[in-house]
Amino acid sequence: MKLIDLKIGDKKVITEVKGEGALRHRLLEMGIIPGTMIEITKKAPLGDPIQIHIRGYELSIRKEDAAYIEVGEIK
């Protein structure tokens, strides 16, 4: 399941960060790494950007970037 498929309030664990080069590196630098819990806190009216709660802070990312983030159930 991809991050963009989640609804507000959904909590999941990041399973994989796809993409290549600078995009993947930027996502990893922001703390979006596999094994981290993530929660959708807000979405803009047209769905872009998406605000997430991760590692104790709020982060807004573009919908196209969220498509590279795979999530799964919390174990």
PDB file of N, CA and C in Angstrom:
ATOM      1  N   MET A   1       0.849  -1.166   0.000  1.00  0.00           N
ATOM      2  CA  MET A   1       0.000   0.000   0.000  1.00  0.00           C
ATOM      3  C   MET A   1       0.900   1.237   0.000  1.00  0.00           C
ATOM      4  N   LYS A   2       0.479   2.258  -0.708  1.00  0.00           N
ATOM      5  CA  LYS A   2       1.260   3.482  -0.802  1.00  0.00           C
ATOM      6  C   LYS A   2       0.729   4.529   0.171  1.00  0.00           C
ATOM      7  N   LEU A   3       1.589   5.436   0.557  1.00  0.00           N
ATOM      8  CA  LEU A   3       1.232   6.487   1.501  1.00  0.00           C
ATOM      9  C   LEU A   3       0.069   7.332   0.983  1.00  0.00           C
ATOM     10  N   ILE A   4       0.006   7.573  -0.307  1.00  0.00           N
ATOM     11  CA  ILE A   4      -1.069   8.409  -0.855  1.00  0.00           C
ATOM     12  C   ILE A   4      -2.443   7.759  -0.741  1.00  0.00           C
ATOM     13  N   ASP A   5      -2.494   6.432  -0.499  1.00  0.00           N
ATOM     14  CA  ASP A   5      -3.764   5.719  -0.380  1.00  0.00           C
ATOM     15  C   ASP A   5      -4.389   5.836   1.004  1.00  0.00           C
ATOM     16  N   LEU A   6      -3.651   6.369   1.982  1.00  0.00           N
ATOM     17  CA  LEU A   6      -4.143   6.440   3.356  1.00  0.00           C
ATOM     18  C   LEU A   6      -5.088   7.619   3.545  1.00  0.00           C
ATOM     19  N   LYS A   7      -5.930   7.506   4.556  1.00  0.00           N
ATOM     20  CA  LYS A   7      -6.865   8.568   4.915  1.00  0.00           C
ATOM     21  C   LYS A   7      -6.349   9.284   6.163  1.00  0.00           C
ATOM     22  N   ILE A   8      -6.911  10.441   6.448  1.00  0.00           N
ATOM     23  CA  ILE A   8      -6.522  11.198   7.633  1.00  0.00           C
ATOM     24  C   ILE A   8      -6.751  10.343   8.880  1.00  0.00           C
ATOM     25  N   GLY A   9      -5.749  10.280   9.747  1.00  0.00           N
ATOM     26  CA  GLY A   9      -5.826   9.503  10.989  1.00  0.00           C
ATOM     27  C   GLY A   9      -5.251   8.107  10.880  1.00  0.00           C
ATOM     28  N   ASP A  10      -4.986   7.629   9.677  1.00  0.00           N
ATOM     29  CA  ASP A  10      -4.403   6.293   9.505  1.00  0.00           C
ATOM     30  C   ASP A  10      -2.959   6.284   9.995  1.00  0.00           C
ATOM     31  N   LYS A  11      -2.607   5.221  10.718  1.00  0.00           N
ATOM     32  CA  LYS A  11      -1.236   5.034  11.205  1.00  0.00           C
ATOM     33  C   LYS A  11      -0.691   3.747  10.604  1.00  0.00           C
ATOM     34  N   LYS A  12       0.469   3.830  10.014  1.00  0.00           N
ATOM     35  CA  LYS A  12       1.126   2.680   9.389  1.00  0.00           C
ATOM     36  C   LYS A  12       2.610   2.739   9.658  1.00  0.00           C
ATOM     37  N   VAL A  13       3.317   1.704   9.211  1.00  0.00           N
ATOM     38  CA  VAL A  13       4.773   1.647   9.306  1.00  0.00           C
ATOM     39  C   VAL A  13       5.334   1.687   7.891  1.00  0.00           C
ATOM     40  N   ILE A  14       6.374   2.468   7.697  1.00  0.00           N
ATOM     41  CA  ILE A  14       7.023   2.544   6.392  1.00  0.00           C
ATOM     42  C   ILE A  14       7.743   1.221   6.141  1.00  0.00           C
ATOM     43  N   THR A  15       7.465   0.606   4.993  1.00  0.00           N
ATOM     44  CA  THR A  15       8.103  -0.663   4.651  1.00  0.00           C
ATOM     45  C   THR A  15       9.192  -0.506   3.596  1.00  0.00           C
ATOM     46  N   GLU A  16       9.033   0.504   2.719  1.00  0.00           N
ATOM     47  CA  GLU A  16      10.010   0.694   1.650  1.00  0.00           C
ATOM     48  C   GLU A  16       9.928   2.117   1.110  1.00  0.00           C
ATOM     49  N   VAL A  17      11.079   2.660   0.775  1.00  0.00           N
ATOM     50  CA  VAL A  17      11.150   3.964   0.119  1.00  0.00           C
ATOM     51  C   VAL A  17      11.716   3.714  -1.270  1.00  0.00           C
ATOM     52  N   LYS A  18      10.875   3.917  -2.280  1.00  0.00           N
ATOM     53  CA  LYS A  18      11.293   3.686  -3.661  1.00  0.00           C
ATOM     54  C   LYS A  18      11.849   4.973  -4.244  1.00  0.00           C
ATOM     55  N   GLY A  19      12.114   4.975  -5.503  1.00  0.00           N
ATOM     56  CA  GLY A  19      12.686   6.141  -6.155  1.00  0.00           C
ATOM     57  C   GLY A  19      14.189   5.972  -6.293  1.00  0.00           C
ATOM     58  N   GLU A  20      14.787   6.903  -6.982  1.00  0.00           N
ATOM     59  CA  GLU A  20      16.225   6.828  -7.234  1.00  0.00           C
ATOM     60  C   GLU A  20      16.882   8.177  -7.019  1.00  0.00           C
ATOM     61  N   GLY A  21      18.151   8.138  -6.802  1.00  0.00           N
ATOM     62  CA  GLY A  21      18.969   9.338  -6.757  1.00  0.00           C
ATOM     63  C   GLY A  21      18.565  10.349  -5.706  1.00  0.00           C
ATOM     64  N   ALA A  22      18.482  11.602  -6.146  1.00  0.00           N
ATOM     65  CA  ALA A  22      18.242  12.721  -5.242  1.00  0.00           C
ATOM     66  C   ALA A  22      16.898  12.632  -4.530  1.00  0.00           C
ATOM     67  N   LEU A  23      15.867  12.159  -5.219  1.00  0.00           N
ATOM     68  CA  LEU A  23      14.549  12.043  -4.593  1.00  0.00           C
ATOM     69  C   LEU A  23      14.588  11.090  -3.407  1.00  0.00           C
ATOM     70  N   ARG A  24      15.108   9.895  -3.604  1.00  0.00           N
ATOM     71  CA  ARG A  24      15.178   8.901  -2.526  1.00  0.00           C
ATOM     72  C   ARG A  24      16.059   9.419  -1.395  1.00  0.00           C
ATOM     73  N   HIS A  25      17.166  10.027  -1.740  1.00  0.00           N
ATOM     74  CA  HIS A  25      18.084  10.569  -0.731  1.00  0.00           C
ATOM     75  C   HIS A  25      17.394  11.650   0.111  1.00  0.00           C
ATOM     76  N   ARG A  26      16.628  12.522  -0.535  1.00  0.00           N
ATOM     77  CA  ARG A  26      15.908  13.588   0.169  1.00  0.00           C
ATOM     78  C   ARG A  26      14.868  13.020   1.125  1.00  0.00           C
ATOM     79  N   LEU A  27      14.109  12.013   0.666  1.00  0.00           N
ATOM     80  CA  LEU A  27      13.102  11.392   1.534  1.00  0.00           C
ATOM     81  C   LEU A  27      13.745  10.743   2.755  1.00  0.00           C
ATOM     82  N   LEU A  28      14.849  10.046   2.548  1.00  0.00           N
ATOM     83  CA  LEU A  28      15.544   9.411   3.666  1.00  0.00           C
ATOM     84  C   LEU A  28      16.107  10.454   4.634  1.00  0.00           C
ATOM     85  N   GLU A  29      16.618  11.555   4.125  1.00  0.00           N
ATOM     86  CA  GLU A  29      17.148  12.615   4.986  1.00  0.00           C
ATOM     87  C   GLU A  29      16.067  13.264   5.841  1.00  0.00           C
ATOM     88  N   MET A  30      14.834  13.278   5.351  1.00  0.00           N
ATOM     89  CA  MET A  30      13.723  13.852   6.113  1.00  0.00           C
ATOM     90  C   MET A  30      13.239  12.904   7.216  1.00  0.00           C
ATOM     91  N   GLY A  31      13.834  11.722   7.314  1.00  0.00           N
ATOM     92  CA  GLY A  31      13.441  10.771   8.351  1.00  0.00           C
ATOM     93  C   GLY A  31      12.442   9.744   7.884  1.00  0.00           C
ATOM     94  N   ILE A  32      12.152   9.717   6.603  1.00  0.00           N
ATOM     95  CA  ILE A  32      11.216   8.745   6.048  1.00  0.00           C
ATOM     96  C   ILE A  32      12.017   7.490   5.719  1.00  0.00           C
ATOM     97  N   ILE A  33      12.193   6.647   6.723  1.00  0.00           N
ATOM     98  CA  ILE A  33      12.990   5.432   6.554  1.00  0.00           C
ATOM     99  C   ILE A  33      12.170   4.218   6.960  1.00  0.00           C
ATOM    100  N   PRO A  34      12.449   3.064   6.353  1.00  0.00           N
ATOM    101  CA  PRO A  34      11.708   1.851   6.684  1.00  0.00           C
ATOM    102  C   PRO A  34      11.758   1.542   8.178  1.00  0.00           C
ATOM    103  N   GLY A  35      10.611   1.090   8.702  1.00  0.00           N
ATOM    104  CA  GLY A  35      10.497   0.742  10.110  1.00  0.00           C
ATOM    105  C   GLY A  35       9.963   1.867  10.979  1.00  0.00           C
ATOM    106  N   THR A  36       9.768   3.050  10.408  1.00  0.00           N
ATOM    107  CA  THR A  36       9.291   4.210  11.153  1.00  0.00           C
ATOM    108  C   THR A  36       7.772   4.312  11.062  1.00  0.00           C
ATOM    109  N   MET A  37       7.114   4.611  12.200  1.00  0.00           N
ATOM    110  CA  MET A  37       5.669   4.790  12.201  1.00  0.00           C
ATOM    111  C   MET A  37       5.329   6.160  11.614  1.00  0.00           C
ATOM    112  N   ILE A  38       4.238   6.198  10.863  1.00  0.00           N
ATOM    113  CA  ILE A  38       3.820   7.421  10.176  1.00  0.00           C
ATOM    114  C   ILE A  38       2.308   7.557  10.307  1.00  0.00           C
ATOM    115  N   GLU A  39       1.839   8.786  10.455  1.00  0.00           N
ATOM    116  CA  GLU A  39       0.395   9.049  10.562  1.00  0.00           C
ATOM    117  C   GLU A  39       0.033  10.207   9.639  1.00  0.00           C
ATOM    118  N   ILE A  40      -1.083  10.064   8.927  1.00  0.00           N
ATOM    119  CA  ILE A  40      -1.586  11.143   8.080  1.00  0.00           C
ATOM    120  C   ILE A  40      -2.375  12.089   8.979  1.00  0.00           C
ATOM    121  N   THR A  41      -1.967  13.367   9.039  1.00  0.00           N
ATOM    122  CA  THR A  41      -2.666  14.316   9.904  1.00  0.00           C
ATOM    123  C   THR A  41      -3.563  15.276   9.121  1.00  0.00           C
ATOM    124  N   LYS A  42      -3.170  15.630   7.910  1.00  0.00           N
ATOM    125  CA  LYS A  42      -3.985  16.541   7.088  1.00  0.00           C
ATOM    126  C   LYS A  42      -3.735  16.268   5.609  1.00  0.00           C
ATOM    127  N   LYS A  43      -4.743  16.625   4.811  1.00  0.00           N
ATOM    128  CA  LYS A  43      -4.585  16.619   3.354  1.00  0.00           C
ATOM    129  C   LYS A  43      -5.199  17.902   2.827  1.00  0.00           C
ATOM    130  N   ALA A  44      -4.562  18.506   1.864  1.00  0.00           N
ATOM    131  CA  ALA A  44      -5.103  19.705   1.235  1.00  0.00           C
ATOM    132  C   ALA A  44      -6.378  19.327   0.477  1.00  0.00           C
ATOM    133  N   PRO A  45      -7.249  20.281   0.213  1.00  0.00           N
ATOM    134  CA  PRO A  45      -8.519  19.980  -0.468  1.00  0.00           C
ATOM    135  C   PRO A  45      -8.377  19.163  -1.762  1.00  0.00           C
ATOM    136  N   LEU A  46      -7.346  19.416  -2.528  1.00  0.00           N
ATOM    137  CA  LEU A  46      -7.146  18.651  -3.762  1.00  0.00           C
ATOM    138  C   LEU A  46      -6.176  17.489  -3.562  1.00  0.00           C
ATOM    139  N   GLY A  47      -5.807  17.222  -2.296  1.00  0.00           N
ATOM    140  CA  GLY A  47      -4.947  16.085  -1.990  1.00  0.00           C
ATOM    141  C   GLY A  47      -3.458  16.362  -2.069  1.00  0.00           C
ATOM    142  N   ASP A  48      -3.077  17.595  -2.355  1.00  0.00           N
ATOM    143  CA  ASP A  48      -1.657  17.906  -2.488  1.00  0.00           C
ATOM    144  C   ASP A  48      -1.374  19.246  -1.832  1.00  0.00           C
ATOM    145  N   PRO A  49      -0.562  19.347  -0.828  1.00  0.00           N
ATOM    146  CA  PRO A  49       0.314  18.341  -0.226  1.00  0.00           C
ATOM    147  C   PRO A  49      -0.390  17.528   0.863  1.00  0.00           C
ATOM    148  N   ILE A  50       0.353  16.567   1.397  1.00  0.00           N
ATOM    149  CA  ILE A  50      -0.103  15.704   2.483  1.00  0.00           C
ATOM    150  C   ILE A  50       0.745  16.032   3.702  1.00  0.00           C
ATOM    151  N   GLN A  51       0.093  16.224   4.851  1.00  0.00           N
ATOM    152  CA  GLN A  51       0.853  16.465   6.084  1.00  0.00           C
ATOM    153  C   GLN A  51       0.893  15.178   6.889  1.00  0.00           C
ATOM    154  N   ILE A  52       2.105  14.802   7.307  1.00  0.00           N
ATOM    155  CA  ILE A  52       2.289  13.568   8.072  1.00  0.00           C
ATOM    156  C   ILE A  52       2.959  13.874   9.403  1.00  0.00           C
ATOM    157  N   HIS A  53       2.717  12.997  10.374  1.00  0.00           N
ATOM    158  CA  HIS A  53       3.409  13.073  11.664  1.00  0.00           C
ATOM    159  C   HIS A  53       4.393  11.910  11.679  1.00  0.00           C
ATOM    160  N   ILE A  54       5.671  12.250  11.809  1.00  0.00           N
ATOM    161  CA  ILE A  54       6.722  11.242  11.781  1.00  0.00           C
ATOM    162  C   ILE A  54       7.845  11.675  12.714  1.00  0.00           C
ATOM    163  N   ARG A  55       8.309  10.765  13.535  1.00  0.00           N
ATOM    164  CA  ARG A  55       9.443  11.019  14.441  1.00  0.00           C
ATOM    165  C   ARG A  55       9.267  12.259  15.292  1.00  0.00           C
ATOM    166  N   GLY A  56       8.021  12.540  15.727  1.00  0.00           N
ATOM    167  CA  GLY A  56       7.766  13.652  16.632  1.00  0.00           C
ATOM    168  C   GLY A  56       7.590  15.011  15.982  1.00  0.00           C
ATOM    169  N   TYR A  57       7.537  15.090  14.670  1.00  0.00           N
ATOM    170  CA  TYR A  57       7.310  16.375  14.022  1.00  0.00           C
ATOM    171  C   TYR A  57       6.345  16.222  12.847  1.00  0.00           C
ATOM    172  N   GLU A  58       5.812  17.360  12.403  1.00  0.00           N
ATOM    173  CA  GLU A  58       4.900  17.402  11.267  1.00  0.00           C
ATOM    174  C   GLU A  58       5.696  17.729  10.008  1.00  0.00           C
ATOM    175  N   LEU A  59       5.373  17.034   8.937  1.00  0.00           N
ATOM    176  CA  LEU A  59       6.088  17.203   7.681  1.00  0.00           C
ATOM    177  C   LEU A  59       5.073  17.209   6.544  1.00  0.00           C
ATOM    178  N   SER A  60       5.200  18.129   5.634  1.00  0.00           N
ATOM    179  CA  SER A  60       4.336  18.169   4.452  1.00  0.00           C
ATOM    180  C   SER A  60       5.138  17.691   3.250  1.00  0.00           C
ATOM    181  N   ILE A  61       4.538  16.769   2.507  1.00  0.00           N
ATOM    182  CA  ILE A  61       5.192  16.265   1.301  1.00  0.00           C
ATOM    183  C   ILE A  61       4.210  16.297   0.137  1.00  0.00           C
ATOM    184  N   ARG A  62       4.760  16.380  -1.044  1.00  0.00           N
ATOM    185  CA  ARG A  62       3.925  16.394  -2.244  1.00  0.00           C
ATOM    186  C   ARG A  62       3.337  15.009  -2.503  1.00  0.00           C
ATOM    187  N   LYS A  63       2.193  15.017  -3.141  1.00  0.00           N
ATOM    188  CA  LYS A  63       1.511  13.768  -3.465  1.00  0.00           C
ATOM    189  C   LYS A  63       2.375  12.879  -4.360  1.00  0.00           C
ATOM    190  N   GLU A  64       3.067  13.474  -5.304  1.00  0.00           N
ATOM    191  CA  GLU A  64       3.908  12.678  -6.210  1.00  0.00           C
ATOM    192  C   GLU A  64       5.073  12.024  -5.459  1.00  0.00           C
ATOM    193  N   ASP A  65       5.578  12.676  -4.410  1.00  0.00           N
ATOM    194  CA  ASP A  65       6.642  12.073  -3.595  1.00  0.00           C
ATOM    195  C   ASP A  65       6.080  10.965  -2.697  1.00  0.00           C
ATOM    196  N   ALA A  66       4.860  11.163  -2.201  1.00  0.00           N
ATOM    197  CA  ALA A  66       4.214  10.169  -1.343  1.00  0.00           C
ATOM    198  C   ALA A  66       3.974   8.856  -2.090  1.00  0.00           C
ATOM    199  N   ALA A  67       3.895   8.912  -3.399  1.00  0.00           N
ATOM    200  CA  ALA A  67       3.677   7.712  -4.199  1.00  0.00           C
ATOM    201  C   ALA A  67       4.870   6.758  -4.154  1.00  0.00           C
ATOM    202  N   TYR A  68       6.035   7.247  -3.752  1.00  0.00           N
ATOM    203  CA  TYR A  68       7.233   6.425  -3.659  1.00  0.00           C
ATOM    204  C   TYR A  68       7.384   5.745  -2.294  1.00  0.00           C
ATOM    205  N   ILE A  69       6.473   6.023  -1.363  1.00  0.00           N
ATOM    206  CA  ILE A  69       6.592   5.501  -0.003  1.00  0.00           C
ATOM    207  C   ILE A  69       5.583   4.378   0.204  1.00  0.00           C
ATOM    208  N   GLU A  70       6.083   3.180   0.440  1.00  0.00           N
ATOM    209  CA  GLU A  70       5.252   2.011   0.702  1.00  0.00           C
ATOM    210  C   GLU A  70       5.074   1.865   2.217  1.00  0.00           C
ATOM    211  N   VAL A  71       3.838   1.560   2.642  1.00  0.00           N
ATOM    212  CA  VAL A  71       3.552   1.383   4.065  1.00  0.00           C
ATOM    213  C   VAL A  71       2.838   0.068   4.309  1.00  0.00           C
ATOM    214  N   GLY A  72       2.892  -0.391   5.557  1.00  0.00           N
ATOM    215  CA  GLY A  72       2.227  -1.636   5.935  1.00  0.00           C
ATOM    216  C   GLY A  72       1.640  -1.509   7.327  1.00  0.00           C
ATOM    217  N   GLU A  73       1.035  -2.580   7.787  1.00  0.00           N
ATOM    218  CA  GLU A  73       0.388  -2.606   9.097  1.00  0.00           C
ATOM    219  C   GLU A  73       1.417  -2.537  10.222  1.00  0.00           C
ATOM    220  N   ILE A  74       1.012  -1.924  11.336  1.00  0.00           N
ATOM    221  CA  ILE A  74       1.849  -1.862  12.521  1.00  0.00           C
ATOM    222  C   ILE A  74       1.830  -3.222  13.190  1.00  0.00           C
ATOM    223  N   LYS A  75       3.013  -3.723  13.538  1.00  0.00           N
ATOM    224  CA  LYS A  75       3.088  -5.043  14.156  1.00  0.00           C
ATOM    225  C   LYS A  75       3.301  -4.916  15.637  1.00  0.00           C
TER     226      LYS A  75
END
